[in-house]
PDB file of N, CA and C in Angstrom:
ATOM      1  N   UNK A   1      48.649  47.321  63.546  1.00  0.00           N
ATOM      2  CA  UNK A   1      48.436  47.240  62.118  1.00  0.00           C
ATOM      3  C   UNK A   1      47.835  48.459  61.624  1.00  0.00           C
ATOM      4  N   UNK A   2      46.941  49.142  62.291  1.00  0.00           N
ATOM      5  CA  UNK A   2      46.328  50.394  61.796  1.00  0.00           C
ATOM      6  C   UNK A   2      47.414  51.433  61.698  1.00  0.00           C
ATOM      7  N   UNK A   3      48.255  51.527  62.736  1.00  0.00           N
ATOM      8  CA  UNK A   3      49.247  52.594  62.749  1.00  0.00           C
ATOM      9  C   UNK A   3      50.265  52.390  61.604  1.00  0.00           C
ATOM     10  N   UNK A   4      50.663  51.156  61.338  1.00  0.00           N
ATOM     11  CA  UNK A   4      51.666  50.932  60.260  1.00  0.00           C
ATOM     12  C   UNK A   4      51.011  51.043  58.863  1.00  0.00           C
ATOM     13  N   UNK A   5      49.660  50.991  58.861  1.00  0.00           N
ATOM     14  CA  UNK A   5      48.965  51.129  57.577  1.00  0.00           C
ATOM     15  C   UNK A   5      48.613  52.529  57.280  1.00  0.00           C
ATOM     16  N   UNK A   6      49.071  53.506  58.127  1.00  0.00           N
ATOM     17  CA  UNK A   6      48.771  54.904  57.897  1.00  0.00           C
ATOM     18  C   UNK A   6      49.998  55.719  57.738  1.00  0.00           C
ATOM     19  N   UNK A   7      50.107  56.565  56.738  1.00  0.00           N
ATOM     20  CA  UNK A   7      51.225  57.390  56.530  1.00  0.00           C
ATOM     21  C   UNK A   7      51.284  58.567  57.506  1.00  0.00           C
ATOM     22  N   UNK A   8      52.348  59.221  57.425  1.00  0.00           N
ATOM     23  CA  UNK A   8      52.594  60.385  58.358  1.00  0.00           C
ATOM     24  C   UNK A   8      51.556  61.500  58.189  1.00  0.00           C
ATOM     25  N   UNK A   9      51.034  61.614  56.925  1.00  0.00           N
ATOM     26  CA  UNK A   9      50.029  62.611  56.744  1.00  0.00           C
ATOM     27  C   UNK A   9      48.589  62.141  57.034  1.00  0.00           C
ATOM     28  N   UNK A  10      48.483  60.956  57.606  1.00  0.00           N
ATOM     29  CA  UNK A  10      47.156  60.384  57.921  1.00  0.00           C
ATOM     30  C   UNK A  10      46.478  59.632  56.853  1.00  0.00           C
ATOM     31  N   UNK A  11      47.093  59.550  55.644  1.00  0.00           N
ATOM     32  CA  UNK A  11      46.545  58.808  54.573  1.00  0.00           C
ATOM     33  C   UNK A  11      46.762  57.324  54.819  1.00  0.00           C
ATOM     34  N   UNK A  12      45.753  56.533  54.590  1.00  0.00           N
ATOM     35  CA  UNK A  12      45.911  55.039  54.757  1.00  0.00           C
ATOM     36  C   UNK A  12      46.689  54.502  53.563  1.00  0.00           C
ATOM     37  N   UNK A  13      47.851  53.864  53.837  1.00  0.00           N
ATOM     38  CA  UNK A  13      48.677  53.273  52.777  1.00  0.00           C
ATOM     39  C   UNK A  13      48.115  51.921  52.455  1.00  0.00           C
ATOM     40  N   UNK A  14      47.646  51.234  53.413  1.00  0.00           N
ATOM     41  CA  UNK A  14      47.118  49.878  53.232  1.00  0.00           C
ATOM     42  C   UNK A  14      45.641  49.800  53.792  1.00  0.00           C
ATOM     43  N   UNK A  15      44.686  50.436  53.083  1.00  0.00           N
ATOM     44  CA  UNK A  15      43.384  50.508  53.593  1.00  0.00           C
ATOM     45  C   UNK A  15      42.672  49.161  53.941  1.00  0.00           C
ATOM     46  N   UNK A  16      43.008  48.115  53.164  1.00  0.00           N
ATOM     47  CA  UNK A  16      42.373  46.822  53.380  1.00  0.00           C
ATOM     48  C   UNK A  16      42.839  46.245  54.735  1.00  0.00           C
ATOM     49  N   UNK A  17      44.262  46.351  54.957  1.00  0.00           N
ATOM     50  CA  UNK A  17      44.774  45.785  56.186  1.00  0.00           C
ATOM     51  C   UNK A  17      44.217  46.555  57.364  1.00  0.00           C
ATOM     52  N   UNK A  18      44.116  47.863  57.258  1.00  0.00           N
ATOM     53  CA  UNK A  18      43.523  48.676  58.321  1.00  0.00           C
ATOM     54  C   UNK A  18      42.091  48.322  58.550  1.00  0.00           C
ATOM     55  N   UNK A  19      41.338  48.141  57.486  1.00  0.00           N
ATOM     56  CA  UNK A  19      39.929  47.752  57.608  1.00  0.00           C
ATOM     57  C   UNK A  19      39.730  46.382  58.301  1.00  0.00           C
ATOM     58  N   UNK A  20      40.584  45.426  57.905  1.00  0.00           N
ATOM     59  CA  UNK A  20      40.541  44.117  58.616  1.00  0.00           C
ATOM     60  C   UNK A  20      40.907  44.191  60.002  1.00  0.00           C
ATOM     61  N   UNK A  21      41.906  45.060  60.304  1.00  0.00           N
ATOM     62  CA  UNK A  21      42.261  45.243  61.765  1.00  0.00           C
ATOM     63  C   UNK A  21      41.151  45.841  62.521  1.00  0.00           C
ATOM     64  N   UNK A  22      40.477  46.765  61.932  1.00  0.00           N
ATOM     65  CA  UNK A  22      39.312  47.459  62.746  1.00  0.00           C
ATOM     66  C   UNK A  22      38.164  46.426  62.876  1.00  0.00           C
ATOM     67  N   UNK A  23      37.899  45.600  61.887  1.00  0.00           N
ATOM     68  CA  UNK A  23      36.849  44.609  62.070  1.00  0.00           C
ATOM     69  C   UNK A  23      37.277  43.627  63.213  1.00  0.00           C
ATOM     70  N   UNK A  24      38.606  43.230  63.292  1.00  0.00           N
ATOM     71  CA  UNK A  24      39.077  42.394  64.369  1.00  0.00           C
ATOM     72  C   UNK A  24      38.915  43.090  65.671  1.00  0.00           C
ATOM     73  N   UNK A  25      39.241  44.362  65.794  1.00  0.00           N
ATOM     74  CA  UNK A  25      38.997  45.096  67.012  1.00  0.00           C
ATOM     75  C   UNK A  25      37.551  45.224  67.369  1.00  0.00           C
ATOM     76  N   UNK A  26      36.740  45.284  66.350  1.00  0.00           N
ATOM     77  CA  UNK A  26      35.247  45.321  66.622  1.00  0.00           C
ATOM     78  C   UNK A  26      34.833  44.019  67.223  1.00  0.00           C
ATOM     79  N   UNK A  27      35.336  42.876  66.727  1.00  0.00           N
ATOM     80  CA  UNK A  27      34.975  41.629  67.293  1.00  0.00           C
ATOM     81  C   UNK A  27      35.418  41.505  68.762  1.00  0.00           C
ATOM     82  N   UNK A  28      36.601  41.964  69.015  1.00  0.00           N
ATOM     83  CA  UNK A  28      37.144  41.951  70.454  1.00  0.00           C
ATOM     84  C   UNK A  28      36.287  42.871  71.279  1.00  0.00           C
ATOM     85  N   UNK A  29      35.870  44.000  70.829  1.00  0.00           N
ATOM     86  CA  UNK A  29      35.057  44.893  71.567  1.00  0.00           C
ATOM     87  C   UNK A  29      33.675  44.246  71.888  1.00  0.00           C
ATOM     88  N   UNK A  30      33.065  43.606  70.848  1.00  0.00           N
ATOM     89  CA  UNK A  30      31.796  42.936  71.068  1.00  0.00           C
ATOM     90  C   UNK A  30      31.900  41.888  72.099  1.00  0.00           C
ATOM     91  N   UNK A  31      33.021  41.122  72.091  1.00  0.00           N
ATOM     92  CA  UNK A  31      33.210  40.042  73.092  1.00  0.00           C
ATOM     93  C   UNK A  31      33.436  40.487  74.437  1.00  0.00           C
ATOM     94  N   UNK A  32      33.875  41.733  74.659  1.00  0.00           N
ATOM     95  CA  UNK A  32      34.062  42.291  75.942  1.00  0.00           C
ATOM     96  C   UNK A  32      32.952  43.192  76.446  1.00  0.00           C
ATOM     97  N   UNK A  33      31.891  43.311  75.568  1.00  0.00           N
ATOM     98  CA  UNK A  33      30.773  43.984  75.988  1.00  0.00           C
ATOM     99  C   UNK A  33      30.675  45.445  75.537  1.00  0.00           C
ATOM    100  N   UNK A  34      31.599  45.934  74.746  1.00  0.00           N
ATOM    101  CA  UNK A  34      31.607  47.305  74.373  1.00  0.00           C
ATOM    102  C   UNK A  34      30.976  47.442  72.916  1.00  0.00           C
ATOM    103  N   UNK A  35      29.644  47.432  72.895  1.00  0.00           N
ATOM    104  CA  UNK A  35      28.951  47.437  71.601  1.00  0.00           C
ATOM    105  C   UNK A  35      29.253  48.765  70.809  1.00  0.00           C
ATOM    106  N   UNK A  36      29.322  49.878  71.495  1.00  0.00           N
ATOM    107  CA  UNK A  36      29.636  51.106  70.811  1.00  0.00           C
ATOM    108  C   UNK A  36      30.960  51.079  70.057  1.00  0.00           C
ATOM    109  N   UNK A  37      31.946  50.573  70.705  1.00  0.00           N
ATOM    110  CA  UNK A  37      33.230  50.398  70.084  1.00  0.00           C
ATOM    111  C   UNK A  37      33.190  49.399  68.944  1.00  0.00           C
ATOM    112  N   UNK A  38      32.475  48.292  69.198  1.00  0.00           N
ATOM    113  CA  UNK A  38      32.352  47.208  68.158  1.00  0.00           C
ATOM    114  C   UNK A  38      31.681  47.796  66.883  1.00  0.00           C
ATOM    115  N   UNK A  39      30.591  48.527  67.097  1.00  0.00           N
ATOM    116  CA  UNK A  39      29.935  49.115  65.927  1.00  0.00           C
ATOM    117  C   UNK A  39      30.750  50.168  65.283  1.00  0.00           C
ATOM    118  N   UNK A  40      31.358  51.032  66.041  1.00  0.00           N
ATOM    119  CA  UNK A  40      32.220  52.023  65.605  1.00  0.00           C
ATOM    120  C   UNK A  40      33.368  51.524  64.720  1.00  0.00           C
ATOM    121  N   UNK A  41      34.029  50.546  65.211  1.00  0.00           N
ATOM    122  CA  UNK A  41      35.149  49.993  64.449  1.00  0.00           C
ATOM    123  C   UNK A  41      34.634  49.249  63.184  1.00  0.00           C
ATOM    124  N   UNK A  42      33.484  48.563  63.309  1.00  0.00           N
ATOM    125  CA  UNK A  42      32.932  47.890  62.089  1.00  0.00           C
ATOM    126  C   UNK A  42      32.481  48.936  61.033  1.00  0.00           C
ATOM    127  N   UNK A  43      31.808  49.954  61.513  1.00  0.00           N
ATOM    128  CA  UNK A  43      31.386  50.995  60.536  1.00  0.00           C
ATOM    129  C   UNK A  43      32.546  51.624  59.826  1.00  0.00           C
ATOM    130  N   UNK A  44      33.628  51.970  60.568  1.00  0.00           N
ATOM    131  CA  UNK A  44      34.751  52.590  60.015  1.00  0.00           C
ATOM    132  C   UNK A  44      35.399  51.693  58.942  1.00  0.00           C
ATOM    133  N   UNK A  45      35.542  50.406  59.324  1.00  0.00           N
ATOM    134  CA  UNK A  45      36.163  49.401  58.504  1.00  0.00           C
ATOM    135  C   UNK A  45      35.376  49.251  57.123  1.00  0.00           C
ATOM    136  N   UNK A  46      34.058  49.242  57.242  1.00  0.00           N
ATOM    137  CA  UNK A  46      33.247  49.019  56.039  1.00  0.00           C
ATOM    138  C   UNK A  46      33.055  50.221  55.177  1.00  0.00           C
ATOM    139  N   UNK A  47      33.502  51.418  55.638  1.00  0.00           N
ATOM    140  CA  UNK A  47      33.373  52.638  54.840  1.00  0.00           C
ATOM    141  C   UNK A  47      34.714  52.853  54.182  1.00  0.00           C
ATOM    142  N   UNK A  48      35.707  51.985  54.230  1.00  0.00           N
ATOM    143  CA  UNK A  48      37.004  52.153  53.540  1.00  0.00           C
ATOM    144  C   UNK A  48      36.785  52.337  52.093  1.00  0.00           C
ATOM    145  N   UNK A  49      37.706  53.227  51.498  1.00  0.00           N
ATOM    146  CA  UNK A  49      37.516  53.577  50.052  1.00  0.00           C
ATOM    147  C   UNK A  49      37.691  52.388  49.094  1.00  0.00           C
ATOM    148  N   UNK A  50      38.717  51.581  49.345  1.00  0.00           N
ATOM    149  CA  UNK A  50      39.036  50.472  48.527  1.00  0.00           C
ATOM    150  C   UNK A  50      38.722  49.143  49.259  1.00  0.00           C
ATOM    151  N   UNK A  51      38.005  48.299  48.663  1.00  0.00           N
ATOM    152  CA  UNK A  51      37.681  47.101  49.314  1.00  0.00           C
ATOM    153  C   UNK A  51      37.926  45.854  48.563  1.00  0.00           C
ATOM    154  N   UNK A  52      38.453  44.853  49.135  1.00  0.00           N
ATOM    155  CA  UNK A  52      38.512  43.541  48.544  1.00  0.00           C
ATOM    156  C   UNK A  52      37.449  42.806  49.255  1.00  0.00           C
ATOM    157  N   UNK A  53      36.273  42.820  48.663  1.00  0.00           N
ATOM    158  CA  UNK A  53      35.055  42.297  49.352  1.00  0.00           C
ATOM    159  C   UNK A  53      35.214  40.886  49.882  1.00  0.00           C
ATOM    160  N   UNK A  54      35.708  39.966  49.195  1.00  0.00           N
ATOM    161  CA  UNK A  54      35.902  38.614  49.796  1.00  0.00           C
ATOM    162  C   UNK A  54      36.752  38.573  51.013  1.00  0.00           C
ATOM    163  N   UNK A  55      37.775  39.265  51.038  1.00  0.00           N
ATOM    164  CA  UNK A  55      38.675  39.364  52.274  1.00  0.00           C
ATOM    165  C   UNK A  55      37.969  40.046  53.396  1.00  0.00           C
ATOM    166  N   UNK A  56      37.330  41.177  53.159  1.00  0.00           N
ATOM    167  CA  UNK A  56      36.589  41.833  54.244  1.00  0.00           C
ATOM    168  C   UNK A  56      35.389  41.046  54.791  1.00  0.00           C
ATOM    169  N   UNK A  57      34.736  40.378  53.917  1.00  0.00           N
ATOM    170  CA  UNK A  57      33.541  39.594  54.309  1.00  0.00           C
ATOM    171  C   UNK A  57      33.887  38.484  55.226  1.00  0.00           C
ATOM    172  N   UNK A  58      35.084  37.867  55.185  1.00  0.00           N
ATOM    173  CA  UNK A  58      35.512  36.836  56.094  1.00  0.00           C
ATOM    174  C   UNK A  58      35.592  37.340  57.476  1.00  0.00           C
ATOM    175  N   UNK A  59      36.116  38.541  57.658  1.00  0.00           N
ATOM    176  CA  UNK A  59      36.280  39.101  58.987  1.00  0.00           C
ATOM    177  C   UNK A  59      34.948  39.722  59.400  1.00  0.00           C
ATOM    178  N   UNK A  60      34.255  40.365  58.496  1.00  0.00           N
ATOM    179  CA  UNK A  60      32.949  41.034  58.811  1.00  0.00           C
ATOM    180  C   UNK A  60      31.962  39.950  59.284  1.00  0.00           C
ATOM    181  N   UNK A  61      32.005  38.778  58.732  1.00  0.00           N
ATOM    182  CA  UNK A  61      31.133  37.668  59.164  1.00  0.00           C
ATOM    183  C   UNK A  61      31.290  37.334  60.629  1.00  0.00           C
ATOM    184  N   UNK A  62      32.544  37.393  61.111  1.00  0.00           N
ATOM    185  CA  UNK A  62      32.812  37.058  62.527  1.00  0.00           C
ATOM    186  C   UNK A  62      32.175  38.176  63.435  1.00  0.00           C
ATOM    187  N   UNK A  63      32.323  39.405  62.983  1.00  0.00           N
ATOM    188  CA  UNK A  63      31.672  40.548  63.734  1.00  0.00           C
ATOM    189  C   UNK A  63      30.171  40.402  63.699  1.00  0.00           C
ATOM    190  N   UNK A  64      29.659  40.048  62.487  1.00  0.00           N
ATOM    191  CA  UNK A  64      28.225  39.843  62.358  1.00  0.00           C
ATOM    192  C   UNK A  64      27.652  38.817  63.311  1.00  0.00           C
ATOM    193  N   UNK A  65      28.376  37.744  63.441  1.00  0.00           N
ATOM    194  CA  UNK A  65      27.947  36.610  64.377  1.00  0.00           C
ATOM    195  C   UNK A  65      27.973  37.115  65.773  1.00  0.00           C
ATOM    196  N   UNK A  66      29.028  37.774  66.121  1.00  0.00           N
ATOM    197  CA  UNK A  66      29.127  38.250  67.521  1.00  0.00           C
ATOM    198  C   UNK A  66      28.011  39.270  67.885  1.00  0.00           C
ATOM    199  N   UNK A  67      27.709  40.199  66.940  1.00  0.00           N
ATOM    200  CA  UNK A  67      26.626  41.210  67.244  1.00  0.00           C
ATOM    201  C   UNK A  67      25.304  40.542  67.211  1.00  0.00           C
ATOM    202  N   UNK A  68      25.002  39.545  66.371  1.00  0.00           N
ATOM    203  CA  UNK A  68      23.763  38.845  66.409  1.00  0.00           C
ATOM    204  C   UNK A  68      23.552  38.072  67.650  1.00  0.00           C
ATOM    205  N   UNK A  69      24.615  37.474  68.114  1.00  0.00           N
ATOM    206  CA  UNK A  69      24.555  36.586  69.276  1.00  0.00           C
ATOM    207  C   UNK A  69      24.473  37.395  70.611  1.00  0.00           C
ATOM    208  N   UNK A  70      25.244  38.408  70.649  1.00  0.00           N
ATOM    209  CA  UNK A  70      25.334  39.142  71.975  1.00  0.00           C
ATOM    210  C   UNK A  70      24.387  40.295  72.027  1.00  0.00           C
ATOM    211  N   UNK A  71      24.012  40.902  70.938  1.00  0.00           N
ATOM    212  CA  UNK A  71      23.199  42.182  70.920  1.00  0.00           C
ATOM    213  C   UNK A  71      22.079  42.078  69.868  1.00  0.00           C
ATOM    214  N   UNK A  72      21.201  41.082  69.934  1.00  0.00           N
ATOM    215  CA  UNK A  72      20.232  40.968  68.854  1.00  0.00           C
ATOM    216  C   UNK A  72      19.189  42.074  68.778  1.00  0.00           C
ATOM    217  N   UNK A  73      19.041  42.803  69.875  1.00  0.00           N
ATOM    218  CA  UNK A  73      18.001  43.825  69.944  1.00  0.00           C
ATOM    219  C   UNK A  73      18.501  45.176  69.800  1.00  0.00           C
ATOM    220  N   UNK A  74      19.852  45.369  69.698  1.00  0.00           N
ATOM    221  CA  UNK A  74      20.392  46.739  69.471  1.00  0.00           C
ATOM    222  C   UNK A  74      20.111  47.229  68.052  1.00  0.00           C
ATOM    223  N   UNK A  75      19.585  48.444  67.995  1.00  0.00           N
ATOM    224  CA  UNK A  75      19.235  48.975  66.705  1.00  0.00           C
ATOM    225  C   UNK A  75      20.391  49.209  65.734  1.00  0.00           C
ATOM    226  N   UNK A  76      21.612  49.492  66.196  1.00  0.00           N
ATOM    227  CA  UNK A  76      22.705  49.731  65.291  1.00  0.00           C
ATOM    228  C   UNK A  76      23.293  48.370  64.781  1.00  0.00           C
ATOM    229  N   UNK A  77      23.061  47.241  65.452  1.00  0.00           N
ATOM    230  CA  UNK A  77      23.648  45.973  64.978  1.00  0.00           C
ATOM    231  C   UNK A  77      23.130  45.611  63.605  1.00  0.00           C
ATOM    232  N   UNK A  78      21.826  45.593  63.347  1.00  0.00           N
ATOM    233  CA  UNK A  78      21.326  45.266  61.997  1.00  0.00           C
ATOM    234  C   UNK A  78      21.862  46.166  60.942  1.00  0.00           C
ATOM    235  N   UNK A  79      21.978  47.473  61.246  1.00  0.00           N
ATOM    236  CA  UNK A  79      22.488  48.472  60.260  1.00  0.00           C
ATOM    237  C   UNK A  79      23.885  48.125  59.860  1.00  0.00           C
ATOM    238  N   UNK A  80      24.757  47.817  60.838  1.00  0.00           N
ATOM    239  CA  UNK A  80      26.157  47.480  60.582  1.00  0.00           C
ATOM    240  C   UNK A  80      26.223  46.116  59.800  1.00  0.00           C
ATOM    241  N   UNK A  81      25.425  45.235  60.217  1.00  0.00           N
ATOM    242  CA  UNK A  81      25.424  43.893  59.581  1.00  0.00           C
ATOM    243  C   UNK A  81      25.063  44.056  58.169  1.00  0.00           C
ATOM    244  N   UNK A  82      24.088  44.874  57.791  1.00  0.00           N
ATOM    245  CA  UNK A  82      23.582  45.016  56.466  1.00  0.00           C
ATOM    246  C   UNK A  82      24.703  45.630  55.570  1.00  0.00           C
ATOM    247  N   UNK A  83      25.530  46.454  56.183  1.00  0.00           N
ATOM    248  CA  UNK A  83      26.690  47.067  55.415  1.00  0.00           C
ATOM    249  C   UNK A  83      27.646  45.956  54.908  1.00  0.00           C
ATOM    250  N   UNK A  84      27.777  44.854  55.711  1.00  0.00           N
ATOM    251  CA  UNK A  84      28.785  43.884  55.299  1.00  0.00           C
ATOM    252  C   UNK A  84      28.183  42.917  54.220  1.00  0.00           C
ATOM    253  N   UNK A  85      26.917  43.015  53.924  1.00  0.00           N
ATOM    254  CA  UNK A  85      26.403  42.055  52.990  1.00  0.00           C
ATOM    255  C   UNK A  85      26.722  42.437  51.548  1.00  0.00           C
ATOM    256  N   UNK A  86      26.887  41.480  50.694  1.00  0.00           N
ATOM    257  CA  UNK A  86      27.194  41.726  49.311  1.00  0.00           C
ATOM    258  C   UNK A  86      26.231  42.581  48.652  1.00  0.00           C
ATOM    259  N   UNK A  87      26.605  43.567  47.830  1.00  0.00           N
ATOM    260  CA  UNK A  87      25.763  44.383  47.117  1.00  0.00           C
ATOM    261  C   UNK A  87      25.403  45.659  47.814  1.00  0.00           C
ATOM    262  N   UNK A  88      25.770  45.745  49.076  1.00  0.00           N
ATOM    263  CA  UNK A  88      25.489  46.979  49.864  1.00  0.00           C
ATOM    264  C   UNK A  88      26.337  48.138  49.373  1.00  0.00           C
ATOM    265  N   UNK A  89      25.739  49.291  49.171  1.00  0.00           N
ATOM    266  CA  UNK A  89      26.488  50.415  48.633  1.00  0.00           C
ATOM    267  C   UNK A  89      26.694  51.427  49.790  1.00  0.00           C
TER     268      UNK A  89
END
């Protein structure tokens, strides 16, 4: 999904689809124990230029739950989680 959402020049044609795909990859990484990849994918997804917040929040909520359940004491987890909350700039 990320590849087909990106043009030949590297510009994201469908930034929301790519962001949702990154969040999903973040969930998968969290479930396999790769917290760095999970946080990296989540951070990249939530920094997308255009956001449909309701759509992203559905997928971000799943990553939030995984990070809280599996890595409650990791310093980067709360920072990423706060990015997905409504009103975060």
